[in-house]
């Protein structure tokens, strides 16, 4: 069954509320994400640094072994 592009609620009360909000130009309130934006940014920065730093520290043989293990997990014993 194809996915529907409509995000309209099936409940009549909610549907009426959405129609009124669209007609009046009012945007519905977005619920807070619950995450601290500063902490999210710090985590992203650490993630951007971690992979390249680890790769730089590994020898070619260690990288090859890690890649071999990953391929075996992904594709089975090749």
PDB file of N, CA and C in Angstrom:
ATOM      1  N   UNK A   1       0.842  -1.167   0.000  1.00  0.00           N
ATOM      2  CA  UNK A   1       0.000   0.000   0.000  1.00  0.00           C
ATOM      3  C   UNK A   1       0.895   1.241   0.000  1.00  0.00           C
ATOM      4  N   UNK A   2       0.653   2.196  -0.869  1.00  0.00           N
ATOM      5  CA  UNK A   2       1.503   3.384  -0.914  1.00  0.00           C
ATOM      6  C   UNK A   2       1.319   4.251   0.324  1.00  0.00           C
ATOM      7  N   UNK A   3       2.398   4.930   0.670  1.00  0.00           N
ATOM      8  CA  UNK A   3       2.311   5.851   1.805  1.00  0.00           C
ATOM      9  C   UNK A   3       1.533   7.088   1.379  1.00  0.00           C
ATOM     10  N   UNK A   4       0.785   7.584   2.281  1.00  0.00           N
ATOM     11  CA  UNK A   4      -0.007   8.778   1.982  1.00  0.00           C
ATOM     12  C   UNK A   4       0.771  10.016   2.391  1.00  0.00           C
ATOM     13  N   UNK A   5       0.651  11.043   1.583  1.00  0.00           N
ATOM     14  CA  UNK A   5       1.379  12.263   1.878  1.00  0.00           C
ATOM     15  C   UNK A   5       0.621  13.164   2.848  1.00  0.00           C
ATOM     16  N   UNK A   6      -0.640  12.901   3.063  1.00  0.00           N
ATOM     17  CA  UNK A   6      -1.441  13.742   3.938  1.00  0.00           C
ATOM     18  C   UNK A   6      -1.109  13.451   5.397  1.00  0.00           C
ATOM     19  N   UNK A   7      -0.924  14.499   6.151  1.00  0.00           N
ATOM     20  CA  UNK A   7      -0.645  14.350   7.580  1.00  0.00           C
ATOM     21  C   UNK A   7      -1.839  14.803   8.408  1.00  0.00           C
ATOM     22  N   UNK A   8      -3.011  14.826   7.813  1.00  0.00           N
ATOM     23  CA  UNK A   8      -4.219  15.260   8.505  1.00  0.00           C
ATOM     24  C   UNK A   8      -4.622  14.207   9.535  1.00  0.00           C
ATOM     25  N   UNK A   9      -5.044  14.650  10.720  1.00  0.00           N
ATOM     26  CA  UNK A   9      -5.491  13.699  11.732  1.00  0.00           C
ATOM     27  C   UNK A   9      -6.844  13.086  11.367  1.00  0.00           C
ATOM     28  N   UNK A  10      -7.078  11.892  11.837  1.00  0.00           N
ATOM     29  CA  UNK A  10      -8.335  11.201  11.561  1.00  0.00           C
ATOM     30  C   UNK A  10      -9.439  11.596  12.540  1.00  0.00           C
ATOM     31  N   UNK A  11      -9.050  12.081  13.707  1.00  0.00           N
ATOM     32  CA  UNK A  11     -10.016  12.530  14.698  1.00  0.00           C
ATOM     33  C   UNK A  11     -10.652  13.834  14.214  1.00  0.00           C
ATOM     34  N   UNK A  12     -11.979  13.905  14.218  1.00  0.00           N
ATOM     35  CA  UNK A  12     -12.669  15.076  13.677  1.00  0.00           C
ATOM     36  C   UNK A  12     -12.346  16.360  14.429  1.00  0.00           C
ATOM     37  N   UNK A  13     -12.208  16.287  15.739  1.00  0.00           N
ATOM     38  CA  UNK A  13     -11.876  17.489  16.505  1.00  0.00           C
ATOM     39  C   UNK A  13     -10.488  18.009  16.153  1.00  0.00           C
ATOM     40  N   UNK A  14      -9.534  17.117  16.040  1.00  0.00           N
ATOM     41  CA  UNK A  14      -8.178  17.532  15.673  1.00  0.00           C
ATOM     42  C   UNK A  14      -8.138  18.047  14.239  1.00  0.00           C
ATOM     43  N   UNK A  15      -8.884  17.396  13.358  1.00  0.00           N
ATOM     44  CA  UNK A  15      -8.957  17.835  11.966  1.00  0.00           C
ATOM     45  C   UNK A  15      -9.530  19.249  11.882  1.00  0.00           C
ATOM     46  N   UNK A  16     -10.585  19.515  12.634  1.00  0.00           N
ATOM     47  CA  UNK A  16     -11.177  20.850  12.653  1.00  0.00           C
ATOM     48  C   UNK A  16     -10.176  21.872  13.176  1.00  0.00           C
ATOM     49  N   UNK A  17      -9.427  21.507  14.197  1.00  0.00           N
ATOM     50  CA  UNK A  17      -8.427  22.404  14.752  1.00  0.00           C
ATOM     51  C   UNK A  17      -7.349  22.718  13.722  1.00  0.00           C
ATOM     52  N   UNK A  18      -6.897  21.715  12.976  1.00  0.00           N
ATOM     53  CA  UNK A  18      -5.876  21.910  11.949  1.00  0.00           C
ATOM     54  C   UNK A  18      -6.407  22.813  10.839  1.00  0.00           C
ATOM     55  N   UNK A  19      -7.640  22.606  10.440  1.00  0.00           N
ATOM     56  CA  UNK A  19      -8.237  23.425   9.378  1.00  0.00           C
ATOM     57  C   UNK A  19      -8.322  24.886   9.811  1.00  0.00           C
ATOM     58  N   UNK A  20      -8.740  25.127  11.060  1.00  0.00           N
ATOM     59  CA  UNK A  20      -8.833  26.502  11.566  1.00  0.00           C
ATOM     60  C   UNK A  20      -7.441  27.133  11.630  1.00  0.00           C
ATOM     61  N   UNK A  21      -6.437  26.380  12.090  1.00  0.00           N
ATOM     62  CA  UNK A  21      -5.077  26.914  12.169  1.00  0.00           C
ATOM     63  C   UNK A  21      -4.548  27.271  10.778  1.00  0.00           C
ATOM     64  N   UNK A  22      -4.809  26.432   9.787  1.00  0.00           N
ATOM     65  CA  UNK A  22      -4.361  26.718   8.429  1.00  0.00           C
ATOM     66  C   UNK A  22      -5.088  27.940   7.865  1.00  0.00           C
ATOM     67  N   UNK A  23      -6.382  28.044   8.146  1.00  0.00           N
ATOM     68  CA  UNK A  23      -7.172  29.147   7.602  1.00  0.00           C
ATOM     69  C   UNK A  23      -6.774  30.484   8.220  1.00  0.00           C
ATOM     70  N   UNK A  24      -6.423  30.475   9.497  1.00  0.00           N
ATOM     71  CA  UNK A  24      -6.077  31.728  10.166  1.00  0.00           C
ATOM     72  C   UNK A  24      -4.592  32.039  10.085  1.00  0.00           C
ATOM     73  N   UNK A  25      -3.802  31.114   9.606  1.00  0.00           N
ATOM     74  CA  UNK A  25      -2.368  31.338   9.481  1.00  0.00           C
ATOM     75  C   UNK A  25      -1.597  31.115  10.761  1.00  0.00           C
ATOM     76  N   UNK A  26      -2.238  30.570  11.769  1.00  0.00           N
ATOM     77  CA  UNK A  26      -1.555  30.277  13.029  1.00  0.00           C
ATOM     78  C   UNK A  26      -0.820  28.956  12.901  1.00  0.00           C
ATOM     79  N   UNK A  27       0.399  28.936  13.350  1.00  0.00           N
ATOM     80  CA  UNK A  27       1.167  27.689  13.328  1.00  0.00           C
ATOM     81  C   UNK A  27       0.951  26.950  14.640  1.00  0.00           C
ATOM     82  N   UNK A  28       0.801  25.655  14.592  1.00  0.00           N
ATOM     83  CA  UNK A  28       0.648  24.906  15.844  1.00  0.00           C
ATOM     84  C   UNK A  28       1.949  24.952  16.639  1.00  0.00           C
ATOM     85  N   UNK A  29       1.825  24.871  17.952  1.00  0.00           N
ATOM     86  CA  UNK A  29       3.003  24.896  18.812  1.00  0.00           C
ATOM     87  C   UNK A  29       3.788  23.604  18.641  1.00  0.00           C
ATOM     88  N   UNK A  30       5.092  23.756  18.465  1.00  0.00           N
ATOM     89  CA  UNK A  30       5.974  22.596  18.365  1.00  0.00           C
ATOM     90  C   UNK A  30       6.335  22.140  19.771  1.00  0.00           C
ATOM     91  N   UNK A  31       6.237  20.844  20.044  1.00  0.00           N
ATOM     92  CA  UNK A  31       6.645  20.381  21.371  1.00  0.00           C
ATOM     93  C   UNK A  31       8.161  20.498  21.512  1.00  0.00           C
ATOM     94  N   UNK A  32       8.644  20.827  22.707  1.00  0.00           N
ATOM     95  CA  UNK A  32      10.098  20.934  22.892  1.00  0.00           C
ATOM     96  C   UNK A  32      10.758  19.580  22.676  1.00  0.00           C
ATOM     97  N   UNK A  33      11.964  19.590  22.124  1.00  0.00           N
ATOM     98  CA  UNK A  33      12.647  18.337  21.810  1.00  0.00           C
ATOM     99  C   UNK A  33      13.127  17.626  23.066  1.00  0.00           C
ATOM    100  N   UNK A  34      13.294  18.352  24.166  1.00  0.00           N
ATOM    101  CA  UNK A  34      13.740  17.730  25.407  1.00  0.00           C
ATOM    102  C   UNK A  34      15.249  17.619  25.496  1.00  0.00           C
ATOM    103  N   UNK A  35      15.964  18.089  24.479  1.00  0.00           N
ATOM    104  CA  UNK A  35      17.421  18.017  24.495  1.00  0.00           C
ATOM    105  C   UNK A  35      17.983  19.422  24.614  1.00  0.00           C
ATOM    106  N   UNK A  36      19.079  19.510  25.316  1.00  0.00           N
ATOM    107  CA  UNK A  36      19.770  20.776  25.467  1.00  0.00           C
ATOM    108  C   UNK A  36      20.546  21.054  24.181  1.00  0.00           C
ATOM    109  N   UNK A  37      20.244  22.144  23.458  1.00  0.00           N
ATOM    110  CA  UNK A  37      20.923  22.409  22.188  1.00  0.00           C
ATOM    111  C   UNK A  37      22.442  22.520  22.327  1.00  0.00           C
ATOM    112  N   UNK A  38      22.919  23.056  23.443  1.00  0.00           N
ATOM    113  CA  UNK A  38      24.361  23.174  23.643  1.00  0.00           C
ATOM    114  C   UNK A  38      24.999  21.792  23.770  1.00  0.00           C
ATOM    115  N   UNK A  39      24.335  20.895  24.480  1.00  0.00           N
ATOM    116  CA  UNK A  39      24.858  19.542  24.644  1.00  0.00           C
ATOM    117  C   UNK A  39      24.833  18.785  23.322  1.00  0.00           C
ATOM    118  N   UNK A  40      23.797  18.999  22.526  1.00  0.00           N
ATOM    119  CA  UNK A  40      23.700  18.357  21.222  1.00  0.00           C
ATOM    120  C   UNK A  40      24.862  18.804  20.335  1.00  0.00           C
ATOM    121  N   UNK A  41      25.149  20.090  20.351  1.00  0.00           N
ATOM    122  CA  UNK A  41      26.246  20.622  19.529  1.00  0.00           C
ATOM    123  C   UNK A  41      27.598  20.079  19.988  1.00  0.00           C
ATOM    124  N   UNK A  42      27.803  19.996  21.303  1.00  0.00           N
ATOM    125  CA  UNK A  42      29.059  19.443  21.804  1.00  0.00           C
ATOM    126  C   UNK A  42      29.212  17.977  21.403  1.00  0.00           C
ATOM    127  N   UNK A  43      28.142  17.225  21.484  1.00  0.00           N
ATOM    128  CA  UNK A  43      28.209  15.821  21.092  1.00  0.00           C
ATOM    129  C   UNK A  43      28.514  15.665  19.621  1.00  0.00           C
ATOM    130  N   UNK A  44      27.946  16.527  18.805  1.00  0.00           N
ATOM    131  CA  UNK A  44      28.201  16.484  17.375  1.00  0.00           C
ATOM    132  C   UNK A  44      29.659  16.796  17.083  1.00  0.00           C
ATOM    133  N   UNK A  45      30.210  17.797  17.775  1.00  0.00           N
ATOM    134  CA  UNK A  45      31.614  18.147  17.567  1.00  0.00           C
ATOM    135  C   UNK A  45      32.529  16.987  17.934  1.00  0.00           C
ATOM    136  N   UNK A  46      32.228  16.331  19.047  1.00  0.00           N
ATOM    137  CA  UNK A  46      33.039  15.187  19.449  1.00  0.00           C
ATOM    138  C   UNK A  46      32.952  14.057  18.444  1.00  0.00           C
ATOM    139  N   UNK A  47      31.769  13.830  17.905  1.00  0.00           N
ATOM    140  CA  UNK A  47      31.591  12.776  16.909  1.00  0.00           C
ATOM    141  C   UNK A  47      32.327  13.078  15.628  1.00  0.00           C
ATOM    142  N   UNK A  48      32.385  14.338  15.248  1.00  0.00           N
ATOM    143  CA  UNK A  48      33.095  14.711  14.032  1.00  0.00           C
ATOM    144  C   UNK A  48      34.597  14.529  14.181  1.00  0.00           C
ATOM    145  N   UNK A  49      35.104  14.671  15.393  1.00  0.00           N
ATOM    146  CA  UNK A  49      36.545  14.539  15.624  1.00  0.00           C
ATOM    147  C   UNK A  49      36.963  13.089  15.860  1.00  0.00           C
ATOM    148  N   UNK A  50      36.089  12.305  16.482  1.00  0.00           N
ATOM    149  CA  UNK A  50      36.469  10.975  16.963  1.00  0.00           C
ATOM    150  C   UNK A  50      36.895   9.998  15.897  1.00  0.00           C
ATOM    151  N   UNK A  51      36.125   9.888  14.798  1.00  0.00           N
ATOM    152  CA  UNK A  51      36.442   8.909  13.760  1.00  0.00           C
ATOM    153  C   UNK A  51      37.784   9.147  13.101  1.00  0.00           C
ATOM    154  N   UNK A  52      38.033  10.347  12.599  1.00  0.00           N
ATOM    155  CA  UNK A  52      39.326  10.609  11.981  1.00  0.00           C
ATOM    156  C   UNK A  52      40.499  10.450  12.954  1.00  0.00           C
ATOM    157  N   UNK A  53      40.311  10.840  14.216  1.00  0.00           N
ATOM    158  CA  UNK A  53      41.390  10.700  15.198  1.00  0.00           C
ATOM    159  C   UNK A  53      41.698   9.224  15.434  1.00  0.00           C
ATOM    160  N   UNK A  54      40.671   8.403  15.498  1.00  0.00           N
ATOM    161  CA  UNK A  54      40.891   6.969  15.706  1.00  0.00           C
ATOM    162  C   UNK A  54      41.576   6.354  14.500  1.00  0.00           C
ATOM    163  N   UNK A  55      41.137   6.732  13.301  1.00  0.00           N
ATOM    164  CA  UNK A  55      41.734   6.182  12.082  1.00  0.00           C
ATOM    165  C   UNK A  55      43.205   6.568  11.976  1.00  0.00           C
ATOM    166  N   UNK A  56      43.537   7.761  12.401  1.00  0.00           N
ATOM    167  CA  UNK A  56      44.922   8.226  12.342  1.00  0.00           C
ATOM    168  C   UNK A  56      45.814   7.416  13.285  1.00  0.00           C
ATOM    169  N   UNK A  57      45.230   6.985  14.404  1.00  0.00           N
ATOM    170  CA  UNK A  57      45.976   6.269  15.422  1.00  0.00           C
ATOM    171  C   UNK A  57      46.209   4.801  15.042  1.00  0.00           C
ATOM    172  N   UNK A  58      45.334   4.219  14.203  1.00  0.00           N
ATOM    173  CA  UNK A  58      45.440   2.808  13.856  1.00  0.00           C
ATOM    174  C   UNK A  58      46.483   2.575  12.768  1.00  0.00           C
ATOM    175  N   UNK A  59      47.081   1.401  12.821  1.00  0.00           N
ATOM    176  CA  UNK A  59      48.005   1.020  11.747  1.00  0.00           C
ATOM    177  C   UNK A  59      47.188   0.480  10.574  1.00  0.00           C
ATOM    178  N   UNK A  60      47.843   0.325   9.435  1.00  0.00           N
ATOM    179  CA  UNK A  60      47.162  -0.193   8.247  1.00  0.00           C
ATOM    180  C   UNK A  60      46.631  -1.603   8.503  1.00  0.00           C
ATOM    181  N   UNK A  61      47.397  -2.412   9.203  1.00  0.00           N
ATOM    182  CA  UNK A  61      46.964  -3.784   9.493  1.00  0.00           C
ATOM    183  C   UNK A  61      45.730  -3.787  10.408  1.00  0.00           C
ATOM    184  N   UNK A  62      45.703  -2.900  11.405  1.00  0.00           N
ATOM    185  CA  UNK A  62      44.551  -2.822  12.306  1.00  0.00           C
ATOM    186  C   UNK A  62      43.307  -2.374  11.536  1.00  0.00           C
ATOM    187  N   UNK A  63      43.456  -1.388  10.655  1.00  0.00           N
ATOM    188  CA  UNK A  63      42.316  -0.942   9.851  1.00  0.00           C
ATOM    189  C   UNK A  63      41.814  -2.066   8.959  1.00  0.00           C
ATOM    190  N   UNK A  64      42.726  -2.817   8.361  1.00  0.00           N
ATOM    191  CA  UNK A  64      42.358  -3.942   7.499  1.00  0.00           C
ATOM    192  C   UNK A  64      41.578  -4.997   8.286  1.00  0.00           C
ATOM    193  N   UNK A  65      42.049  -5.300   9.492  1.00  0.00           N
ATOM    194  CA  UNK A  65      41.377  -6.299  10.328  1.00  0.00           C
ATOM    195  C   UNK A  65      39.970  -5.833  10.720  1.00  0.00           C
ATOM    196  N   UNK A  66      39.832  -4.559  11.068  1.00  0.00           N
ATOM    197  CA  UNK A  66      38.513  -4.010  11.411  1.00  0.00           C
ATOM    198  C   UNK A  66      37.587  -4.095  10.202  1.00  0.00           C
ATOM    199  N   UNK A  67      38.097  -3.742   9.031  1.00  0.00           N
ATOM    200  CA  UNK A  67      37.287  -3.801   7.813  1.00  0.00           C
ATOM    201  C   UNK A  67      36.901  -5.242   7.485  1.00  0.00           C
ATOM    202  N   UNK A  68      37.813  -6.184   7.711  1.00  0.00           N
ATOM    203  CA  UNK A  68      37.529  -7.598   7.454  1.00  0.00           C
ATOM    204  C   UNK A  68      36.417  -8.100   8.371  1.00  0.00           C
ATOM    205  N   UNK A  69      36.494  -7.730   9.660  1.00  0.00           N
ATOM    206  CA  UNK A  69      35.454  -8.138  10.612  1.00  0.00           C
ATOM    207  C   UNK A  69      34.097  -7.544  10.231  1.00  0.00           C
ATOM    208  N   UNK A  70      34.110  -6.267   9.827  1.00  0.00           N
ATOM    209  CA  UNK A  70      32.855  -5.617   9.442  1.00  0.00           C
ATOM    210  C   UNK A  70      32.240  -6.298   8.222  1.00  0.00           C
ATOM    211  N   UNK A  71      33.063  -6.648   7.242  1.00  0.00           N
ATOM    212  CA  UNK A  71      32.556  -7.313   6.029  1.00  0.00           C
ATOM    213  C   UNK A  71      32.008  -8.691   6.386  1.00  0.00           C
ATOM    214  N   UNK A  72      32.680  -9.403   7.262  1.00  0.00           N
ATOM    215  CA  UNK A  72      32.182 -10.723   7.654  1.00  0.00           C
ATOM    216  C   UNK A  72      30.849 -10.621   8.387  1.00  0.00           C
ATOM    217  N   UNK A  73      30.708  -9.625   9.231  1.00  0.00           N
ATOM    218  CA  UNK A  73      29.430  -9.432   9.924  1.00  0.00           C
ATOM    219  C   UNK A  73      28.331  -9.074   8.935  1.00  0.00           C
ATOM    220  N   UNK A  74      28.676  -8.213   7.977  1.00  0.00           N
ATOM    221  CA  UNK A  74      27.684  -7.742   7.030  1.00  0.00           C
ATOM    222  C   UNK A  74      27.296  -8.822   6.037  1.00  0.00           C
ATOM    223  N   UNK A  75      28.255  -9.522   5.485  1.00  0.00           N
ATOM    224  CA  UNK A  75      27.996 -10.438   4.377  1.00  0.00           C
ATOM    225  C   UNK A  75      28.122 -11.907   4.763  1.00  0.00           C
ATOM    226  N   UNK A  76      28.463 -12.199   5.987  1.00  0.00           N
ATOM    227  CA  UNK A  76      28.689 -13.584   6.369  1.00  0.00           C
ATOM    228  C   UNK A  76      30.141 -13.931   6.110  1.00  0.00           C
ATOM    229  N   UNK A  77      30.538 -15.126   6.408  1.00  0.00           N
ATOM    230  CA  UNK A  77      31.927 -15.521   6.196  1.00  0.00           C
ATOM    231  C   UNK A  77      32.223 -15.641   4.721  1.00  0.00           C
ATOM    232  N   UNK A  78      33.037 -14.757   4.227  1.00  0.00           N
ATOM    233  CA  UNK A  78      33.371 -14.718   2.797  1.00  0.00           C
ATOM    234  C   UNK A  78      34.633 -15.520   2.559  1.00  0.00           C
TER     235      UNK A  78
END
